Protein backbone atom coordinates (compact mmCIF):
# COMPACT_ATOMS: atom_id res chain seq x y z
CA MET A 1 -30.14 19.07 213.91
CA LYS A 2 -32.64 16.90 212.11
CA LYS A 3 -36.24 18.22 211.86
CA VAL A 4 -38.92 15.76 212.67
CA SER A 5 -42.66 15.84 212.15
CA ILE A 6 -45.22 13.46 213.43
CA VAL A 7 -48.26 12.15 211.56
CA TYR A 8 -50.70 10.31 213.77
CA LYS A 9 -54.29 8.80 214.04
CA LYS A 10 -56.13 11.95 215.24
CA GLU A 11 -59.39 10.34 216.01
CA ASP A 12 -57.66 8.10 218.68
CA LYS A 13 -57.31 10.35 221.77
CA LEU A 14 -54.74 8.07 223.28
CA ILE A 15 -52.36 8.27 220.07
CA ALA A 16 -53.09 12.02 219.79
CA GLY A 17 -51.92 12.46 223.39
CA THR A 18 -48.87 10.20 222.75
CA ALA A 19 -47.92 12.32 219.62
CA LYS A 20 -48.07 15.59 221.61
CA GLN A 21 -46.01 14.17 224.42
CA LEU A 22 -43.53 12.87 221.90
CA ALA A 23 -43.19 16.23 220.37
CA ARG A 24 -42.34 17.76 223.74
CA GLU A 25 -39.89 15.18 224.75
CA LEU A 26 -37.87 14.62 221.52
CA PRO A 27 -34.14 14.37 222.24
CA SER A 28 -32.40 17.76 221.90
CA VAL A 29 -30.62 16.68 218.62
CA PHE A 30 -34.04 16.77 216.94
CA GLN A 31 -36.31 19.64 216.17
CA PHE A 32 -40.09 19.10 215.96
CA VAL A 33 -41.74 20.87 213.08
CA ALA A 34 -45.55 20.89 212.58
CA ASP A 35 -45.38 20.86 208.80
CA PRO A 36 -44.36 17.26 207.56
CA LYS A 37 -43.21 18.72 204.36
CA LYS A 38 -40.44 20.67 206.05
CA ALA A 39 -39.10 17.69 208.08
CA ASP A 40 -35.99 15.60 207.42
CA PHE A 41 -38.04 12.52 208.50
CA ILE A 42 -41.56 11.69 209.68
CA ILE A 43 -42.58 9.61 212.64
CA THR A 44 -45.90 7.99 212.04
CA LEU A 45 -47.96 6.81 215.03
CA GLY A 46 -50.88 4.45 214.22
CA GLY A 47 -51.33 1.57 211.80
CA ASP A 48 -51.05 1.02 207.99
CA GLY A 49 -53.67 3.67 207.26
CA THR A 50 -51.58 6.33 208.97
CA VAL A 51 -48.59 5.24 207.09
CA LEU A 52 -50.58 5.72 203.80
CA ARG A 53 -51.88 9.08 204.84
CA ALA A 54 -48.26 10.23 205.58
CA ALA A 55 -47.04 9.04 202.25
CA HIS A 56 -49.70 11.13 200.55
CA ILE A 57 -48.92 14.13 202.57
CA ILE A 58 -45.35 14.19 201.47
CA SER A 59 -45.80 12.84 198.02
CA GLY A 60 -42.93 13.94 195.84
CA GLN A 61 -40.81 15.27 198.75
CA ASN A 62 -38.50 12.21 199.18
CA ILE A 63 -39.00 12.33 202.97
CA PRO A 64 -38.46 9.02 204.74
CA LEU A 65 -40.96 7.56 207.29
CA LEU A 66 -40.31 5.94 210.62
CA ALA A 67 -43.48 3.88 211.01
CA VAL A 68 -44.34 3.16 214.62
CA HIS A 69 -47.15 0.54 215.23
CA LEU A 70 -50.06 1.73 217.24
CA GLY A 71 -52.88 0.38 215.18
CA GLY A 72 -54.23 -2.85 213.76
CA LEU A 73 -52.27 -5.28 211.56
CA GLY A 74 -49.27 -3.19 211.06
CA LEU A 75 -47.62 -4.68 208.03
CA LEU A 76 -46.02 -1.43 207.03
CA THR A 77 -44.87 -0.43 210.41
CA SER A 78 -41.52 -1.68 211.77
CA SER A 79 -40.97 -0.30 215.34
CA SER A 80 -43.05 -0.38 218.52
CA LEU A 81 -43.44 2.71 220.76
CA GLU A 82 -41.30 1.07 223.31
CA GLU A 83 -38.45 0.76 220.55
CA LEU A 84 -38.80 4.41 219.61
CA PRO A 85 -36.02 5.81 221.89
CA CYS A 86 -33.55 3.30 220.48
CA ALA A 87 -34.70 4.09 216.95
CA LEU A 88 -34.10 7.77 217.40
CA GLU A 89 -30.74 7.01 218.84
CA SER A 90 -29.84 4.83 215.88
CA ILE A 91 -30.95 7.74 213.50
CA LYS A 92 -28.86 10.21 215.48
CA ASN A 93 -25.84 7.87 214.90
CA LYS A 94 -26.70 7.24 211.26
CA LYS A 95 -27.28 3.47 211.88
CA TYR A 96 -30.20 2.78 209.66
CA GLN A 97 -31.04 1.78 206.11
CA ILE A 98 -33.55 3.20 203.64
CA ASP A 99 -36.18 0.86 202.28
CA SER A 100 -37.59 2.35 199.02
CA ARG A 101 -40.96 1.05 197.79
CA LEU A 102 -42.49 1.07 194.34
CA MET A 103 -45.48 3.36 193.71
CA LEU A 104 -47.97 3.52 191.00
CA ARG A 105 -48.84 6.48 188.78
CA VAL A 106 -52.46 6.84 188.33
CA GLN A 107 -53.78 9.21 185.66
CA VAL A 108 -57.43 10.10 184.91
CA VAL A 109 -57.92 11.25 181.25
CA ARG A 110 -61.01 13.24 180.55
CA LYS A 111 -61.76 14.79 177.22
CA ASN A 112 -58.26 13.74 175.96
CA LYS A 113 -56.59 15.72 178.72
CA ILE A 114 -55.02 14.58 182.14
CA PHE A 115 -57.66 15.65 184.48
CA LYS A 116 -56.02 14.21 187.68
CA GLU A 117 -52.71 12.52 188.34
CA LEU A 118 -52.09 10.67 191.70
CA VAL A 119 -49.59 8.13 193.20
CA ALA A 120 -50.42 5.04 194.97
CA LEU A 121 -48.25 3.11 197.62
CA ASN A 122 -50.65 0.32 198.16
CA ASP A 123 -53.32 0.30 195.39
CA ALA A 124 -55.68 2.06 193.04
CA VAL A 125 -59.23 0.75 192.77
CA VAL A 126 -61.77 1.23 190.13
CA CYS A 127 -65.05 0.15 191.65
CA LYS A 128 -68.87 0.57 191.76
CA ASN A 129 -70.37 3.04 194.16
CA ASP A 130 -74.02 1.94 193.62
CA ILE A 131 -76.39 -0.79 194.73
CA ALA A 132 -75.47 -4.43 193.90
CA ARG A 133 -74.90 -4.19 190.26
CA ILE A 134 -71.71 -5.13 188.31
CA ILE A 135 -69.77 -2.68 186.18
CA LYS A 136 -68.10 -3.45 182.87
CA LEU A 137 -64.56 -2.51 182.22
CA LYS A 138 -62.10 -3.00 179.42
CA ALA A 139 -58.35 -3.15 180.10
CA PHE A 140 -55.55 -2.50 177.49
CA LEU A 141 -51.80 -2.97 177.40
CA GLY A 142 -50.78 -0.15 175.10
CA GLU A 143 -53.04 -0.58 172.03
CA GLU A 144 -53.54 -4.31 172.72
CA LYS A 145 -56.71 -5.43 174.51
CA LEU A 146 -55.98 -7.31 177.70
CA GLY A 147 -59.50 -8.30 178.64
CA ASP A 148 -63.01 -7.46 179.50
CA TYR A 149 -64.23 -7.55 183.22
CA ALA A 150 -67.69 -7.67 184.42
CA ALA A 151 -67.19 -7.33 188.16
CA ASP A 152 -67.53 -5.03 191.03
CA GLY A 153 -64.22 -3.56 190.01
CA VAL A 154 -60.46 -3.97 189.58
CA ILE A 155 -57.52 -3.46 191.94
CA ALA A 156 -54.01 -2.44 190.64
CA SER A 157 -51.80 -3.28 193.50
CA THR A 158 -48.11 -2.55 194.32
CA PRO A 159 -45.84 -5.18 195.83
CA THR A 160 -46.34 -3.24 199.14
CA GLY A 161 -50.19 -3.35 198.56
CA SER A 162 -50.31 -6.89 197.53
CA THR A 163 -50.99 -8.01 201.12
CA ALA A 164 -53.85 -5.49 201.39
CA TYR A 165 -57.06 -5.44 199.42
CA ASN A 166 -55.34 -7.50 196.71
CA PHE A 167 -54.79 -10.19 199.12
CA ALA A 168 -58.46 -10.14 200.26
CA VAL A 169 -59.66 -11.03 196.75
CA ASN A 170 -57.11 -13.91 196.57
CA GLY A 171 -54.55 -11.97 194.61
CA PRO A 172 -50.82 -13.16 194.80
CA ILE A 173 -48.23 -11.64 197.05
CA LEU A 174 -45.40 -10.18 195.27
CA PRO A 175 -41.82 -9.83 196.86
CA ILE A 176 -41.53 -6.39 198.39
CA HIS A 177 -38.94 -5.04 195.90
CA SER A 178 -40.41 -6.48 192.78
CA LYS A 179 -40.73 -4.13 189.85
CA SER A 180 -44.01 -5.55 188.79
CA TYR A 181 -47.52 -4.84 189.99
CA ILE A 182 -50.89 -6.73 190.05
CA LEU A 183 -54.23 -6.27 188.43
CA SER A 184 -56.95 -8.16 190.33
CA PRO A 185 -60.75 -8.28 189.65
CA ILE A 186 -63.25 -7.79 192.40
CA CYS A 187 -65.91 -10.55 192.65
CA PRO A 188 -65.80 -11.17 188.73
CA HIS A 189 -68.82 -12.66 187.05
CA ARG A 190 -66.55 -15.13 185.16
CA ALA A 191 -64.82 -17.66 187.23
CA THR A 192 -61.97 -17.62 184.76
CA ASP A 193 -61.10 -14.06 185.47
CA ARG A 194 -57.82 -14.10 187.68
CA SER A 195 -55.18 -11.87 188.79
CA ILE A 196 -52.28 -10.99 186.56
CA VAL A 197 -48.80 -9.54 187.13
CA LEU A 198 -47.84 -6.75 184.97
CA GLU A 199 -44.77 -4.38 184.32
CA ASP A 200 -46.10 -2.37 181.41
CA ASP A 201 -48.72 0.53 181.80
CA ILE A 202 -52.43 -0.37 181.50
CA THR A 203 -55.41 1.62 180.40
CA ILE A 204 -58.94 1.05 181.90
CA LYS A 205 -62.13 2.15 180.14
CA ILE A 206 -65.66 2.00 181.55
CA VAL A 207 -67.97 0.13 179.29
CA LYS A 208 -71.07 0.11 181.45
CA GLY A 209 -71.78 1.43 185.03
CA LYS A 210 -72.91 4.60 186.83
CA ASP A 211 -71.33 6.13 189.85
CA VAL A 212 -67.97 4.53 189.32
CA LEU A 213 -65.29 5.54 191.74
CA LEU A 214 -61.38 5.55 191.57
CA THR A 215 -59.97 5.08 195.11
CA VAL A 216 -56.12 5.44 195.77
CA ASP A 217 -54.76 4.04 198.96
CA GLY A 218 -58.02 4.54 200.64
CA GLN A 219 -57.02 8.13 201.06
CA GLN A 220 -58.22 9.91 197.84
CA THR A 221 -61.50 9.22 195.86
CA LEU A 222 -62.57 10.59 192.48
CA SER A 223 -65.91 9.98 190.76
CA LEU A 224 -65.43 8.84 187.32
CA THR A 225 -67.58 9.61 184.20
CA SER A 226 -68.51 7.07 181.62
CA ASP A 227 -65.94 8.62 179.21
CA ASP A 228 -63.06 8.92 181.53
CA VAL A 229 -59.97 6.65 181.03
CA VAL A 230 -57.73 5.54 183.84
CA LYS A 231 -54.03 4.98 182.97
CA ILE A 232 -51.95 3.13 185.52
CA GLY A 233 -48.20 2.37 185.54
CA VAL A 234 -45.11 2.33 187.65
CA SER A 235 -44.25 5.73 189.04
CA LYS A 236 -40.67 7.23 189.19
CA GLU A 237 -41.71 8.31 192.71
CA LYS A 238 -40.90 6.18 195.71
CA THR A 239 -42.01 5.98 199.32
CA SER A 240 -39.05 5.55 201.68
CA PHE A 241 -38.91 3.90 205.12
CA ILE A 242 -36.26 4.03 207.77
CA ARG A 243 -35.36 0.53 208.74
CA PHE A 244 -32.82 -0.92 211.33
CA LYS A 245 -32.92 -4.43 210.15
CA LYS A 246 -33.95 -6.22 206.90
CA TYR A 247 -37.61 -6.07 206.30
CA ASP A 248 -38.91 -9.65 206.05
CA ILE A 249 -42.45 -9.70 204.70
CA TRP A 250 -42.58 -13.54 205.09
CA GLN A 251 -41.70 -13.47 208.64
CA LEU A 252 -44.30 -10.69 209.34
CA LEU A 253 -46.99 -12.85 207.57
CA ARG A 254 -46.05 -15.86 209.57
CA ASP A 255 -46.33 -13.83 212.80
CA LYS A 256 -49.39 -11.73 212.11
CA LEU A 257 -51.43 -14.04 209.94
CA GLY A 258 -50.56 -17.25 211.75
CA TRP A 259 -48.82 -18.96 208.80
CA GLY A 260 -46.82 -21.09 211.26
């Protein structure tokens, strides 16, 4: 018997009611468990934000997600509520694939020690949390200086997150299973500052700015001090999704963004 947990958008009463009904009416081959970390797989009910929250809840557990679209744009979700019974039947019969996604390792170094380590499925953002003043950052690849940024901040985005905040600042879209990630400036002062695609670890240092924040997947935030260093690279950890057909990001973008 497979153990199933449900992560849902709690602030939406309709979705919350749907989640409770689903927990009661799961097919007998599945057992509902309240703790997502004890499940064999997790059903998410909501939009992409709910998927990101679930990914952080089970970080490091290697538990796959069945993402059901009940929210907004839904680029991470792959099934509708109407398709859920068929999806569960396919899981029962082991007729599915696992879609593993690259994540970023995000370390905050404070006083020469790792103060905090997080993982990101979508993105890690170093940005200002103040009135309309730019912050100044330096980025390094190893010991080599990559560049100076006078901007509202920078976004380090995974291939999965390349269609999120990165896309909003005109960053490139990466193929979903690319092994690279993107560094994009947010409202840079110089018009020549552009997104770059990276594979190696980067180090970000604060040169000037107060109330600077690190935000990971819009789920976790940490206030940075002026002496903090943020190190970002590809994590060994993955987020896994249950799929029943090939995930086609380009078709999704044509459908959801009206690309034709």
